[in-house]
N, C-alpha and C. Protein backbone atom coordinates (compact mmCIF):
# COMPACT_ATOMS: atom_id res chain seq x y z
N MET A 1 202.13 -70.33 -80.07
CA MET A 1 201.06 -70.03 -80.99
C MET A 1 201.33 -70.52 -82.32
N LEU A 2 202.54 -70.20 -82.85
CA LEU A 2 202.88 -70.59 -84.23
C LEU A 2 204.15 -71.36 -84.14
N LYS A 3 204.23 -72.47 -84.92
CA LYS A 3 205.47 -73.29 -84.94
C LYS A 3 205.66 -73.68 -86.32
N ALA A 4 206.83 -73.48 -86.94
CA ALA A 4 207.24 -73.86 -88.16
C ALA A 4 208.41 -74.88 -88.05
N ILE A 5 208.39 -75.98 -88.75
CA ILE A 5 209.37 -76.98 -88.63
C ILE A 5 209.86 -77.40 -90.03
N ASP A 6 211.26 -77.12 -90.15
CA ASP A 6 212.00 -77.56 -91.36
C ASP A 6 211.26 -77.12 -92.72
N ILE A 7 211.01 -75.78 -92.75
CA ILE A 7 210.38 -75.21 -93.95
C ILE A 7 211.35 -75.08 -95.04
N ASN A 8 211.04 -75.64 -96.29
CA ASN A 8 211.76 -75.48 -97.44
C ASN A 8 210.91 -74.86 -98.61
N ARG A 9 211.57 -73.99 -99.37
CA ARG A 9 210.78 -73.42 -100.48
C ARG A 9 211.80 -73.08 -101.57
N SER A 10 211.44 -73.53 -102.76
CA SER A 10 212.32 -73.19 -103.97
C SER A 10 211.44 -72.66 -105.01
N PHE A 11 212.09 -71.80 -105.85
CA PHE A 11 211.44 -71.27 -107.10
C PHE A 11 212.32 -71.70 -108.27
N GLY A 12 211.93 -72.70 -109.00
CA GLY A 12 212.81 -73.25 -109.94
C GLY A 12 214.02 -73.90 -109.33
N LYS A 13 215.15 -73.48 -109.75
CA LYS A 13 216.42 -74.04 -109.21
C LYS A 13 216.94 -73.18 -107.99
N LEU A 14 216.25 -72.13 -107.67
CA LEU A 14 216.61 -71.27 -106.65
C LEU A 14 216.04 -71.70 -105.33
N HIS A 15 216.90 -72.18 -104.46
CA HIS A 15 216.48 -72.71 -103.08
C HIS A 15 216.37 -71.56 -102.13
N ILE A 16 215.18 -71.04 -101.81
CA ILE A 16 215.09 -69.80 -101.07
C ILE A 16 215.12 -70.07 -99.59
N LEU A 17 214.35 -70.98 -99.10
CA LEU A 17 214.30 -71.38 -97.70
C LEU A 17 214.91 -72.75 -97.51
N LYS A 18 215.78 -72.96 -96.59
CA LYS A 18 216.56 -74.18 -96.47
C LYS A 18 216.49 -74.83 -95.09
N GLY A 19 215.25 -75.28 -94.73
CA GLY A 19 214.97 -75.91 -93.54
C GLY A 19 214.88 -74.95 -92.36
N VAL A 20 213.96 -73.94 -92.47
CA VAL A 20 213.80 -73.04 -91.45
C VAL A 20 212.80 -73.52 -90.39
N SER A 21 213.15 -73.39 -89.11
CA SER A 21 212.25 -73.71 -87.98
C SER A 21 212.24 -72.55 -87.05
N LEU A 22 211.01 -72.32 -86.48
CA LEU A 22 210.89 -71.16 -85.47
C LEU A 22 209.60 -71.30 -84.82
N THR A 23 209.46 -70.69 -83.65
CA THR A 23 208.23 -70.60 -82.93
C THR A 23 207.96 -69.14 -82.58
N VAL A 24 206.59 -68.82 -82.51
CA VAL A 24 206.18 -67.53 -82.03
C VAL A 24 205.16 -67.67 -80.94
N ASN A 25 205.43 -66.97 -79.82
CA ASN A 25 204.53 -67.08 -78.64
C ASN A 25 203.47 -65.97 -78.64
N LYS A 26 202.32 -66.28 -77.97
CA LYS A 26 201.25 -65.29 -77.88
C LYS A 26 201.70 -64.07 -77.18
N GLY A 27 201.36 -62.96 -77.70
CA GLY A 27 201.73 -61.68 -77.07
C GLY A 27 203.11 -61.20 -77.41
N GLU A 28 203.75 -61.78 -78.35
CA GLU A 28 205.11 -61.48 -78.63
C GLU A 28 205.29 -60.65 -79.89
N ILE A 29 206.27 -59.82 -79.96
CA ILE A 29 206.59 -59.10 -81.20
C ILE A 29 207.95 -59.64 -81.69
N VAL A 30 207.92 -60.27 -82.86
CA VAL A 30 209.03 -60.94 -83.39
C VAL A 30 209.41 -60.19 -84.60
N ALA A 31 210.68 -59.67 -84.79
CA ALA A 31 211.10 -59.08 -86.00
C ALA A 31 212.03 -60.13 -86.71
N ILE A 32 211.82 -60.24 -88.08
CA ILE A 32 212.65 -60.98 -88.92
C ILE A 32 213.48 -60.07 -89.79
N VAL A 33 214.80 -60.10 -89.64
CA VAL A 33 215.65 -59.15 -90.30
C VAL A 33 216.71 -59.86 -91.11
N GLY A 34 217.40 -59.17 -92.02
CA GLY A 34 218.34 -59.77 -92.85
C GLY A 34 218.51 -59.01 -94.13
N ALA A 35 219.57 -59.20 -94.91
CA ALA A 35 219.71 -58.54 -96.17
C ALA A 35 218.64 -58.95 -97.19
N SER A 36 218.48 -58.10 -98.22
CA SER A 36 217.57 -58.43 -99.31
C SER A 36 217.97 -59.76 -99.92
N GLY A 37 217.02 -60.62 -100.16
CA GLY A 37 217.31 -61.88 -100.83
C GLY A 37 217.59 -63.06 -99.71
N ALA A 38 217.42 -62.66 -98.44
CA ALA A 38 217.70 -63.70 -97.43
C ALA A 38 216.58 -64.58 -97.23
N GLY A 39 215.49 -64.30 -97.78
CA GLY A 39 214.26 -65.21 -97.60
C GLY A 39 213.16 -64.78 -96.66
N LYS A 40 213.27 -63.51 -96.19
CA LYS A 40 212.43 -63.02 -95.17
C LYS A 40 210.97 -63.07 -95.64
N SER A 41 210.69 -62.37 -96.75
CA SER A 41 209.31 -62.22 -97.20
C SER A 41 208.76 -63.60 -97.60
N THR A 42 209.61 -64.44 -98.18
CA THR A 42 209.05 -65.76 -98.53
C THR A 42 208.66 -66.50 -97.31
N LEU A 43 209.47 -66.48 -96.28
CA LEU A 43 209.04 -67.06 -95.02
C LEU A 43 207.82 -66.43 -94.39
N LEU A 44 207.72 -65.13 -94.44
CA LEU A 44 206.45 -64.44 -94.00
C LEU A 44 205.25 -64.96 -94.71
N ASN A 45 205.32 -65.08 -96.03
CA ASN A 45 204.22 -65.56 -96.83
C ASN A 45 203.85 -66.96 -96.49
N ILE A 46 204.78 -67.85 -96.12
CA ILE A 46 204.45 -69.19 -95.74
C ILE A 46 203.86 -69.30 -94.34
N LEU A 47 204.47 -68.39 -93.44
CA LEU A 47 203.97 -68.44 -92.05
C LEU A 47 202.58 -68.04 -92.08
N SER A 48 202.23 -66.98 -92.91
CA SER A 48 200.87 -66.45 -92.95
C SER A 48 199.90 -67.23 -93.87
N THR A 49 200.33 -68.29 -94.47
CA THR A 49 199.47 -69.15 -95.27
C THR A 49 199.22 -68.51 -96.65
N LEU A 50 199.87 -67.48 -97.03
CA LEU A 50 199.73 -66.89 -98.37
C LEU A 50 200.38 -67.78 -99.41
N ASP A 51 201.38 -68.51 -98.95
CA ASP A 51 202.11 -69.50 -99.82
C ASP A 51 202.28 -70.79 -99.11
N LYS A 52 202.66 -71.84 -99.88
CA LYS A 52 202.80 -73.13 -99.25
C LYS A 52 204.27 -73.51 -99.39
N PRO A 53 204.77 -74.24 -98.35
CA PRO A 53 206.18 -74.76 -98.48
C PRO A 53 206.28 -75.90 -99.39
N ASP A 54 207.44 -76.15 -99.88
CA ASP A 54 207.64 -77.44 -100.68
C ASP A 54 207.68 -78.63 -99.67
N SER A 55 208.18 -78.31 -98.52
CA SER A 55 208.22 -79.37 -97.42
C SER A 55 208.28 -78.70 -96.08
N GLY A 56 207.97 -79.35 -95.08
CA GLY A 56 207.94 -78.89 -93.72
C GLY A 56 206.52 -78.77 -93.15
N GLN A 57 206.46 -78.42 -91.89
CA GLN A 57 205.14 -78.39 -91.22
C GLN A 57 204.93 -77.04 -90.61
N LEU A 58 203.69 -76.62 -90.50
CA LEU A 58 203.28 -75.41 -89.97
C LEU A 58 202.09 -75.57 -88.97
N PHE A 59 202.29 -75.31 -87.77
CA PHE A 59 201.17 -75.44 -86.75
C PHE A 59 200.79 -74.14 -86.15
N PHE A 60 199.41 -74.00 -85.95
CA PHE A 60 198.84 -72.86 -85.22
C PHE A 60 198.10 -73.37 -84.08
N ASN A 61 198.44 -72.99 -82.88
CA ASN A 61 197.89 -73.54 -81.70
C ASN A 61 197.68 -75.07 -81.82
N GLU A 62 198.74 -75.64 -82.24
CA GLU A 62 198.92 -77.12 -82.32
C GLU A 62 198.12 -77.79 -83.39
N HIS A 63 197.35 -77.03 -84.29
CA HIS A 63 196.66 -77.53 -85.40
C HIS A 63 197.57 -77.41 -86.58
N GLU A 64 197.71 -78.51 -87.31
CA GLU A 64 198.55 -78.50 -88.47
C GLU A 64 197.89 -77.78 -89.72
N LEU A 65 198.39 -76.70 -90.12
CA LEU A 65 197.75 -75.88 -91.17
C LEU A 65 197.98 -76.64 -92.57
N ASN A 66 199.01 -77.46 -92.76
CA ASN A 66 199.26 -78.07 -94.00
C ASN A 66 198.09 -78.97 -94.37
N LYS A 67 197.37 -79.44 -93.46
CA LYS A 67 196.29 -80.40 -93.74
C LYS A 67 194.89 -79.72 -94.12
N LEU A 68 194.90 -78.49 -94.11
CA LEU A 68 193.63 -77.72 -94.44
C LEU A 68 193.53 -77.54 -95.94
N ASN A 69 192.32 -77.66 -96.46
CA ASN A 69 192.11 -77.45 -97.93
C ASN A 69 192.02 -75.95 -98.12
N GLY A 70 191.85 -75.59 -99.41
CA GLY A 70 191.96 -74.09 -99.79
C GLY A 70 190.86 -73.29 -99.17
N THR A 71 189.64 -73.80 -99.07
CA THR A 71 188.57 -73.04 -98.48
C THR A 71 188.81 -72.90 -96.97
N GLN A 72 189.30 -73.93 -96.33
CA GLN A 72 189.57 -73.88 -94.83
C GLN A 72 190.74 -72.92 -94.56
N ILE A 73 191.74 -72.91 -95.44
CA ILE A 73 192.84 -72.05 -95.24
C ILE A 73 192.38 -70.54 -95.39
N SER A 74 191.49 -70.30 -96.41
CA SER A 74 191.03 -68.96 -96.56
C SER A 74 190.18 -68.46 -95.37
N ASP A 75 189.42 -69.39 -94.87
CA ASP A 75 188.59 -69.01 -93.68
C ASP A 75 189.47 -68.75 -92.49
N PHE A 76 190.50 -69.61 -92.26
CA PHE A 76 191.47 -69.42 -91.20
C PHE A 76 192.14 -68.10 -91.34
N ARG A 77 192.62 -67.74 -92.43
CA ARG A 77 193.37 -66.50 -92.82
C ARG A 77 192.51 -65.25 -92.41
N ASN A 78 191.25 -65.34 -92.88
CA ASN A 78 190.35 -64.25 -92.68
C ASN A 78 190.14 -63.99 -91.26
N ARG A 79 189.90 -65.07 -90.43
CA ARG A 79 189.43 -64.93 -89.05
C ARG A 79 190.61 -64.80 -88.02
N LYS A 80 191.79 -65.45 -88.31
CA LYS A 80 192.74 -65.57 -87.33
C LYS A 80 193.98 -64.69 -87.60
N ILE A 81 194.15 -64.10 -88.85
CA ILE A 81 195.33 -63.47 -89.15
C ILE A 81 195.01 -62.07 -89.76
N GLY A 82 195.84 -61.10 -89.40
CA GLY A 82 195.75 -59.83 -90.04
C GLY A 82 197.04 -59.46 -90.77
N PHE A 83 196.93 -58.60 -91.72
CA PHE A 83 198.06 -58.31 -92.65
C PHE A 83 198.24 -56.82 -92.71
N ILE A 84 199.57 -56.37 -92.58
CA ILE A 84 199.94 -55.03 -92.83
C ILE A 84 201.13 -55.10 -93.78
N PHE A 85 201.05 -54.31 -94.90
CA PHE A 85 202.09 -54.35 -95.90
C PHE A 85 202.73 -52.99 -96.05
N GLN A 86 203.90 -52.97 -96.69
CA GLN A 86 204.57 -51.74 -96.93
C GLN A 86 203.70 -50.66 -97.65
N PHE A 87 202.93 -51.19 -98.72
CA PHE A 87 202.07 -50.39 -99.46
C PHE A 87 200.69 -50.77 -98.94
N HIS A 88 199.87 -49.85 -98.48
CA HIS A 88 198.71 -50.14 -97.73
C HIS A 88 197.62 -50.95 -98.41
N HIS A 89 197.61 -50.85 -99.77
CA HIS A 89 196.66 -51.71 -100.57
C HIS A 89 195.21 -51.27 -100.13
N LEU A 90 194.93 -50.06 -99.85
CA LEU A 90 193.56 -49.62 -99.59
C LEU A 90 192.91 -49.45 -100.94
N LEU A 91 191.61 -49.67 -101.03
CA LEU A 91 190.82 -49.65 -102.26
C LEU A 91 190.37 -48.15 -102.45
N ALA A 92 190.78 -47.61 -103.57
CA ALA A 92 190.63 -46.16 -103.80
C ALA A 92 189.18 -45.72 -103.81
N GLU A 93 188.27 -46.63 -104.21
CA GLU A 93 186.91 -46.19 -104.37
C GLU A 93 186.04 -46.19 -103.10
N PHE A 94 186.72 -46.76 -101.97
CA PHE A 94 186.05 -46.85 -100.79
C PHE A 94 186.65 -45.88 -99.77
N ASN A 95 185.82 -45.45 -98.82
CA ASN A 95 186.40 -44.52 -97.73
C ASN A 95 187.10 -45.38 -96.68
N ALA A 96 187.64 -44.67 -95.66
CA ALA A 96 188.53 -45.33 -94.69
C ALA A 96 187.66 -46.44 -93.93
N LEU A 97 186.46 -46.06 -93.47
CA LEU A 97 185.65 -47.02 -92.74
C LEU A 97 185.30 -48.18 -93.58
N GLU A 98 184.92 -47.93 -94.78
CA GLU A 98 184.52 -49.17 -95.75
C GLU A 98 185.78 -50.00 -95.97
N ASN A 99 186.98 -49.46 -96.08
CA ASN A 99 188.15 -50.19 -96.33
C ASN A 99 188.45 -51.12 -95.09
N ILE A 100 188.28 -50.52 -93.95
CA ILE A 100 188.50 -51.28 -92.65
C ILE A 100 187.51 -52.47 -92.52
N CYS A 101 186.31 -52.20 -92.92
CA CYS A 101 185.26 -53.19 -92.77
C CYS A 101 185.23 -54.36 -93.77
N ILE A 102 185.94 -54.28 -94.85
CA ILE A 102 185.92 -55.33 -95.80
C ILE A 102 186.23 -56.73 -95.26
N PRO A 103 187.27 -56.95 -94.54
CA PRO A 103 187.55 -58.34 -94.01
C PRO A 103 186.38 -58.79 -93.08
N ALA A 104 185.72 -57.88 -92.33
CA ALA A 104 184.61 -58.27 -91.53
C ALA A 104 183.43 -58.65 -92.36
N PHE A 105 183.19 -57.97 -93.43
CA PHE A 105 182.08 -58.33 -94.45
C PHE A 105 182.40 -59.70 -94.97
N ILE A 106 183.62 -59.97 -95.33
CA ILE A 106 183.95 -61.28 -95.92
C ILE A 106 183.67 -62.36 -94.94
N ALA A 107 183.91 -62.08 -93.66
CA ALA A 107 183.74 -63.09 -92.53
C ALA A 107 182.27 -63.22 -92.20
N GLY A 108 181.38 -62.45 -92.81
CA GLY A 108 179.92 -62.57 -92.57
C GLY A 108 179.43 -61.72 -91.47
N THR A 109 180.23 -60.79 -90.94
CA THR A 109 179.74 -59.94 -89.88
C THR A 109 178.72 -58.96 -90.41
N ALA A 110 177.62 -58.77 -89.62
CA ALA A 110 176.59 -57.82 -90.01
C ALA A 110 177.18 -56.43 -90.17
N LYS A 111 176.66 -55.66 -91.13
CA LYS A 111 177.14 -54.36 -91.51
C LYS A 111 177.25 -53.40 -90.30
N ALA A 112 176.08 -53.38 -89.56
CA ALA A 112 176.11 -52.47 -88.37
C ALA A 112 177.22 -52.81 -87.35
N GLU A 113 177.33 -54.13 -87.09
CA GLU A 113 178.37 -54.57 -86.17
C GLU A 113 179.80 -54.24 -86.64
N ALA A 114 180.02 -54.52 -87.96
CA ALA A 114 181.30 -54.17 -88.54
C ALA A 114 181.70 -52.75 -88.48
N GLU A 115 180.70 -51.91 -88.86
CA GLU A 115 180.99 -50.48 -88.84
C GLU A 115 181.16 -50.00 -87.48
N LYS A 116 180.43 -50.48 -86.48
CA LYS A 116 180.67 -50.05 -85.06
C LYS A 116 182.19 -50.37 -84.60
N ARG A 117 182.59 -51.64 -84.91
CA ARG A 117 183.93 -52.05 -84.61
C ARG A 117 184.92 -51.14 -85.40
N GLY A 118 184.61 -50.84 -86.65
CA GLY A 118 185.50 -50.06 -87.44
C GLY A 118 185.66 -48.66 -86.90
N MET A 119 184.60 -48.07 -86.40
CA MET A 119 184.65 -46.68 -85.87
C MET A 119 185.40 -46.73 -84.51
N GLU A 120 185.26 -47.81 -83.78
CA GLU A 120 186.00 -47.88 -82.55
C GLU A 120 187.52 -47.92 -82.89
N LEU A 121 187.84 -48.65 -83.86
CA LEU A 121 189.30 -48.64 -84.25
C LEU A 121 189.74 -47.32 -84.69
N LEU A 122 188.99 -46.66 -85.53
CA LEU A 122 189.37 -45.38 -86.02
C LEU A 122 189.53 -44.37 -84.85
N ASP A 123 188.66 -44.43 -83.90
CA ASP A 123 188.74 -43.61 -82.71
C ASP A 123 190.04 -43.93 -81.96
N MET A 124 190.35 -45.14 -81.74
CA MET A 124 191.49 -45.55 -81.04
C MET A 124 192.76 -45.10 -81.74
N LEU A 125 192.78 -45.02 -83.04
CA LEU A 125 193.92 -44.64 -83.80
C LEU A 125 193.92 -43.13 -84.16
N GLY A 126 193.04 -42.44 -83.55
CA GLY A 126 193.00 -40.97 -83.77
C GLY A 126 192.44 -40.53 -85.15
N LEU A 127 191.74 -41.40 -85.79
CA LEU A 127 191.19 -41.07 -87.16
C LEU A 127 189.69 -41.03 -87.26
N ALA A 128 189.00 -40.88 -86.19
CA ALA A 128 187.46 -40.88 -86.21
C ALA A 128 186.98 -39.81 -87.14
N ASP A 129 187.65 -38.67 -87.23
CA ASP A 129 187.10 -37.60 -88.17
C ASP A 129 187.52 -37.85 -89.58
N ARG A 130 188.11 -38.90 -89.92
CA ARG A 130 188.57 -39.27 -91.23
C ARG A 130 187.82 -40.43 -91.89
N ALA A 131 186.83 -40.91 -91.17
CA ALA A 131 186.07 -42.10 -91.54
C ALA A 131 185.54 -42.05 -92.99
N THR A 132 185.04 -40.94 -93.36
CA THR A 132 184.42 -40.85 -94.70
C THR A 132 185.43 -40.41 -95.75
N HIS A 133 186.70 -40.21 -95.38
CA HIS A 133 187.69 -39.80 -96.43
C HIS A 133 188.18 -40.94 -97.17
N LYS A 134 188.38 -40.84 -98.47
CA LYS A 134 188.93 -41.87 -99.32
C LYS A 134 190.56 -41.75 -99.25
N PRO A 135 191.09 -42.88 -99.60
CA PRO A 135 192.59 -42.93 -99.43
C PRO A 135 193.36 -41.73 -99.94
N ALA A 136 192.94 -41.25 -101.10
CA ALA A 136 193.64 -40.17 -101.72
C ALA A 136 193.60 -38.84 -100.94
N GLN A 137 192.60 -38.85 -99.98
CA GLN A 137 192.40 -37.65 -99.10
C GLN A 137 193.20 -37.84 -97.85
N LEU A 138 193.91 -38.93 -97.60
CA LEU A 138 194.61 -39.20 -96.33
C LEU A 138 196.13 -39.08 -96.56
N SER A 139 196.91 -38.68 -95.52
CA SER A 139 198.30 -38.75 -95.66
C SER A 139 198.81 -40.10 -95.58
N GLY A 140 200.19 -40.28 -95.89
CA GLY A 140 200.71 -41.64 -95.84
C GLY A 140 200.61 -42.32 -94.54
N GLY A 141 200.86 -41.52 -93.48
CA GLY A 141 200.71 -42.13 -92.12
C GLY A 141 199.28 -42.50 -91.84
N GLU A 142 198.32 -41.65 -92.22
CA GLU A 142 196.90 -42.00 -91.99
C GLU A 142 196.47 -43.17 -92.76
N GLN A 143 196.91 -43.32 -93.97
CA GLN A 143 196.60 -44.52 -94.82
C GLN A 143 197.15 -45.74 -94.08
N GLN A 144 198.35 -45.75 -93.57
CA GLN A 144 198.90 -46.90 -92.94
C GLN A 144 198.17 -47.25 -91.66
N ARG A 145 197.73 -46.24 -90.91
CA ARG A 145 196.94 -46.47 -89.75
C ARG A 145 195.54 -47.06 -90.10
N VAL A 146 194.97 -46.67 -91.25
CA VAL A 146 193.73 -47.30 -91.66
C VAL A 146 194.02 -48.80 -92.04
N ALA A 147 195.20 -49.09 -92.64
CA ALA A 147 195.51 -50.47 -92.92
C ALA A 147 195.68 -51.27 -91.61
N VAL A 148 196.21 -50.62 -90.58
CA VAL A 148 196.43 -51.31 -89.29
C VAL A 148 194.98 -51.61 -88.73
N ALA A 149 194.14 -50.68 -88.85
CA ALA A 149 192.73 -50.91 -88.32
C ALA A 149 192.02 -52.06 -89.13
N ARG A 150 192.28 -52.08 -90.37
CA ARG A 150 191.73 -53.14 -91.28
C ARG A 150 192.25 -54.53 -90.82
N ALA A 151 193.60 -54.56 -90.46
CA ALA A 151 194.20 -55.84 -89.93
C ALA A 151 193.57 -56.24 -88.59
N LEU A 152 193.12 -55.28 -87.84
CA LEU A 152 192.55 -55.56 -86.47
C LEU A 152 191.04 -55.85 -86.50
N ILE A 153 190.39 -55.57 -87.61
CA ILE A 153 188.88 -55.63 -87.54
C ILE A 153 188.29 -56.93 -87.08
N ASN A 154 188.90 -58.01 -87.47
CA ASN A 154 188.29 -59.37 -87.11
C ASN A 154 188.95 -59.91 -85.85
N LYS A 155 189.61 -59.06 -85.07
CA LYS A 155 190.33 -59.43 -83.79
C LYS A 155 191.21 -60.63 -83.99
N PRO A 156 192.21 -60.57 -84.88
CA PRO A 156 193.06 -61.67 -85.28
C PRO A 156 193.92 -62.08 -84.06
N ASP A 157 194.29 -63.38 -84.07
CA ASP A 157 195.26 -63.79 -83.10
C ASP A 157 196.71 -63.33 -83.36
N LEU A 158 197.00 -63.19 -84.66
CA LEU A 158 198.35 -62.90 -85.10
C LEU A 158 198.29 -61.94 -86.26
N ILE A 159 199.19 -60.90 -86.19
CA ILE A 159 199.32 -59.97 -87.34
C ILE A 159 200.69 -60.15 -87.89
N PHE A 160 200.77 -60.24 -89.28
CA PHE A 160 201.93 -60.30 -90.07
C PHE A 160 202.16 -58.90 -90.63
N ALA A 161 203.33 -58.37 -90.62
CA ALA A 161 203.65 -57.10 -91.32
C ALA A 161 204.93 -57.21 -92.06
N ASP A 162 204.77 -56.78 -93.27
CA ASP A 162 206.00 -56.85 -94.25
C ASP A 162 206.42 -55.45 -94.56
N GLU A 163 207.53 -55.11 -93.95
CA GLU A 163 208.13 -53.69 -94.15
C GLU A 163 207.02 -52.66 -93.89
N PRO A 164 206.35 -52.71 -92.74
CA PRO A 164 205.08 -51.76 -92.51
C PRO A 164 205.47 -50.27 -92.53
N SER A 165 206.71 -49.99 -92.12
CA SER A 165 207.08 -48.62 -92.10
C SER A 165 208.06 -48.18 -93.24
N GLY A 166 208.24 -49.08 -94.23
CA GLY A 166 209.23 -48.84 -95.27
C GLY A 166 208.81 -47.76 -96.22
N ASN A 167 207.55 -47.39 -96.23
CA ASN A 167 207.04 -46.31 -97.09
C ASN A 167 206.69 -44.97 -96.40
N LEU A 168 207.17 -44.88 -95.11
CA LEU A 168 206.84 -43.80 -94.23
C LEU A 168 208.03 -42.94 -93.96
N ASP A 169 207.77 -41.63 -93.73
CA ASP A 169 208.95 -40.78 -93.24
C ASP A 169 209.20 -41.22 -91.80
N SER A 170 210.29 -40.70 -91.26
CA SER A 170 210.76 -41.16 -89.89
C SER A 170 209.76 -40.89 -88.84
N ALA A 171 209.09 -39.69 -88.88
CA ALA A 171 208.11 -39.36 -87.79
C ALA A 171 206.91 -40.37 -87.83
N ASN A 172 206.38 -40.64 -89.05
CA ASN A 172 205.25 -41.55 -89.16
C ASN A 172 205.69 -43.01 -88.88
N ALA A 173 206.92 -43.31 -89.22
CA ALA A 173 207.46 -44.65 -88.92
C ALA A 173 207.47 -44.86 -87.34
N ARG A 174 207.99 -43.84 -86.67
CA ARG A 174 208.08 -43.88 -85.25
C ARG A 174 206.74 -44.08 -84.58
N ASP A 175 205.73 -43.23 -85.13
CA ASP A 175 204.36 -43.42 -84.59
C ASP A 175 203.78 -44.81 -84.76
N LEU A 176 204.14 -45.36 -85.93
CA LEU A 176 203.60 -46.72 -86.24
C LEU A 176 204.21 -47.71 -85.34
N HIS A 177 205.55 -47.64 -85.09
CA HIS A 177 206.23 -48.56 -84.20
C HIS A 177 205.63 -48.48 -82.79
N GLU A 178 205.41 -47.19 -82.36
CA GLU A 178 204.82 -47.07 -80.97
C GLU A 178 203.49 -47.64 -80.90
N LEU A 179 202.66 -47.57 -82.02
CA LEU A 179 201.33 -48.18 -82.07
C LEU A 179 201.42 -49.66 -81.88
N PHE A 180 202.44 -50.31 -82.57
CA PHE A 180 202.54 -51.72 -82.39
C PHE A 180 202.75 -52.12 -80.89
N ILE A 181 203.65 -51.31 -80.25
CA ILE A 181 203.95 -51.61 -78.84
C ILE A 181 202.65 -51.40 -77.98
N ARG A 182 201.90 -50.35 -78.32
CA ARG A 182 200.65 -50.12 -77.56
C ARG A 182 199.63 -51.20 -77.82
N LEU A 183 199.52 -51.73 -79.06
CA LEU A 183 198.52 -52.78 -79.20
C LEU A 183 198.97 -54.04 -78.53
N ARG A 184 200.20 -54.32 -78.43
CA ARG A 184 200.73 -55.50 -77.66
C ARG A 184 200.36 -55.32 -76.21
N LYS A 185 200.62 -54.11 -75.65
CA LYS A 185 200.41 -53.82 -74.27
C LYS A 185 198.91 -53.92 -73.85
N GLU A 186 198.08 -53.26 -74.66
CA GLU A 186 196.67 -53.17 -74.35
C GLU A 186 195.90 -54.40 -74.68
N PHE A 187 196.24 -55.16 -75.81
CA PHE A 187 195.44 -56.29 -76.28
C PHE A 187 196.23 -57.54 -76.28
N ASN A 188 197.48 -57.58 -75.83
CA ASN A 188 198.31 -58.74 -75.93
C ASN A 188 198.34 -59.28 -77.42
N GLN A 189 198.42 -58.26 -78.33
CA GLN A 189 198.45 -58.67 -79.75
C GLN A 189 199.86 -59.19 -80.11
N THR A 190 199.80 -60.20 -80.96
CA THR A 190 200.99 -60.85 -81.43
C THR A 190 201.38 -60.37 -82.83
N PHE A 191 202.67 -60.10 -83.01
CA PHE A 191 203.18 -59.57 -84.33
C PHE A 191 204.36 -60.39 -84.75
N VAL A 192 204.39 -60.60 -86.15
CA VAL A 192 205.60 -61.05 -86.76
C VAL A 192 205.86 -60.06 -87.86
N ILE A 193 207.01 -59.43 -87.75
CA ILE A 193 207.27 -58.29 -88.69
C ILE A 193 208.62 -58.45 -89.41
N VAL A 194 208.54 -58.41 -90.70
CA VAL A 194 209.81 -58.31 -91.56
C VAL A 194 210.12 -56.87 -91.69
N THR A 195 211.35 -56.49 -91.40
CA THR A 195 211.66 -55.09 -91.46
C THR A 195 213.22 -54.93 -91.69
N HIS A 196 213.49 -53.77 -92.30
CA HIS A 196 214.90 -53.31 -92.46
C HIS A 196 215.14 -52.20 -91.41
N ASN A 197 214.08 -51.84 -90.64
CA ASN A 197 214.22 -50.64 -89.77
C ASN A 197 214.78 -51.12 -88.47
N ASP A 198 215.99 -50.60 -88.10
CA ASP A 198 216.65 -51.05 -86.90
C ASP A 198 215.87 -50.67 -85.68
N ASP A 199 215.22 -49.45 -85.74
CA ASP A 199 214.46 -48.91 -84.50
C ASP A 199 213.33 -49.92 -84.29
N LEU A 200 212.59 -50.37 -85.27
CA LEU A 200 211.58 -51.30 -85.12
C LEU A 200 211.97 -52.61 -84.54
N SER A 201 213.03 -53.10 -85.22
CA SER A 201 213.57 -54.53 -84.77
C SER A 201 214.13 -54.42 -83.34
N ASP A 202 214.73 -53.28 -82.99
CA ASP A 202 215.23 -53.13 -81.60
C ASP A 202 214.04 -53.03 -80.61
N LEU A 203 212.93 -52.60 -80.97
CA LEU A 203 211.79 -52.50 -80.08
C LEU A 203 211.08 -53.90 -79.88
N SER A 204 211.39 -54.82 -80.73
CA SER A 204 210.79 -56.11 -80.68
C SER A 204 211.27 -56.97 -79.52
N ASP A 205 210.47 -57.91 -79.09
CA ASP A 205 210.90 -58.88 -78.02
C ASP A 205 212.04 -59.74 -78.53
N ARG A 206 212.05 -60.12 -79.75
CA ARG A 206 212.96 -61.07 -80.29
C ARG A 206 213.25 -60.73 -81.73
N LYS A 207 214.47 -60.89 -82.15
CA LYS A 207 214.98 -60.57 -83.47
C LYS A 207 215.46 -61.84 -84.10
N ILE A 208 214.87 -62.25 -85.26
CA ILE A 208 215.42 -63.39 -85.92
C ILE A 208 216.15 -62.92 -87.17
N ILE A 209 217.40 -63.31 -87.19
CA ILE A 209 218.27 -62.93 -88.30
C ILE A 209 218.41 -63.97 -89.36
N MET A 210 218.11 -63.62 -90.62
CA MET A 210 218.22 -64.57 -91.75
C MET A 210 219.33 -64.24 -92.71
N LYS A 211 219.92 -65.25 -93.20
CA LYS A 211 220.90 -65.10 -94.28
C LYS A 211 220.87 -66.33 -95.18
N ASP A 212 220.78 -66.06 -96.50
CA ASP A 212 220.88 -67.12 -97.47
C ASP A 212 219.81 -68.29 -97.12
N GLY A 213 218.60 -67.91 -96.78
CA GLY A 213 217.56 -68.88 -96.57
C GLY A 213 217.67 -69.67 -95.24
N LEU A 214 218.43 -69.23 -94.37
CA LEU A 214 218.66 -69.84 -93.04
C LEU A 214 218.51 -68.86 -91.90
N ILE A 215 218.10 -69.33 -90.78
CA ILE A 215 218.11 -68.53 -89.55
C ILE A 215 219.51 -68.64 -88.97
N THR A 216 220.20 -67.53 -88.81
CA THR A 216 221.60 -67.55 -88.36
C THR A 216 221.69 -67.13 -86.90
N ALA A 217 220.71 -66.41 -86.30
CA ALA A 217 220.73 -65.95 -84.95
C ALA A 217 219.27 -65.60 -84.50
């Protein structure tokens, strides 16, 4: 599904990624691990098109993403990719259902259709009774599950997660990890996850280890 070839990225004189190549297959959970400063989040940002490499190629289902213009990349990102971050980034003034539906509204989905899909996701995640609650009224684990539902709303081919359980206690982290496994099993959902959590990386199908801007194993 995803192929990166010889990705390089520098910030000033600091060479962060040094010719990184990898592939991700459909229905796979891939964990990217390594010490702080190894280049994990920089790589994730490039793979997810949030950032551009200085050199190298990125393919999604054999289409070269480097050749897309800004508008095309934004549309691709909205329709094909979901994001889950360590900090949920829910909008405080909107309730859970509204937060989930925002990517669908951006994609042009009708309000009724988006809300129907949003409620289905809330129900699947055990949060149907929290639909009208704003983020401040939700626990940390509930907020992160709302963020997962938001990532799923447009039925993306690929979900990127950057330290998704890093801000959760051990019980909520375990629940989130089990949710990823269930989503892969039920929907053949593909994940690329940057994590320091050994339990999550051990549950993954494949672990990519980075050090000093390179894949070492």
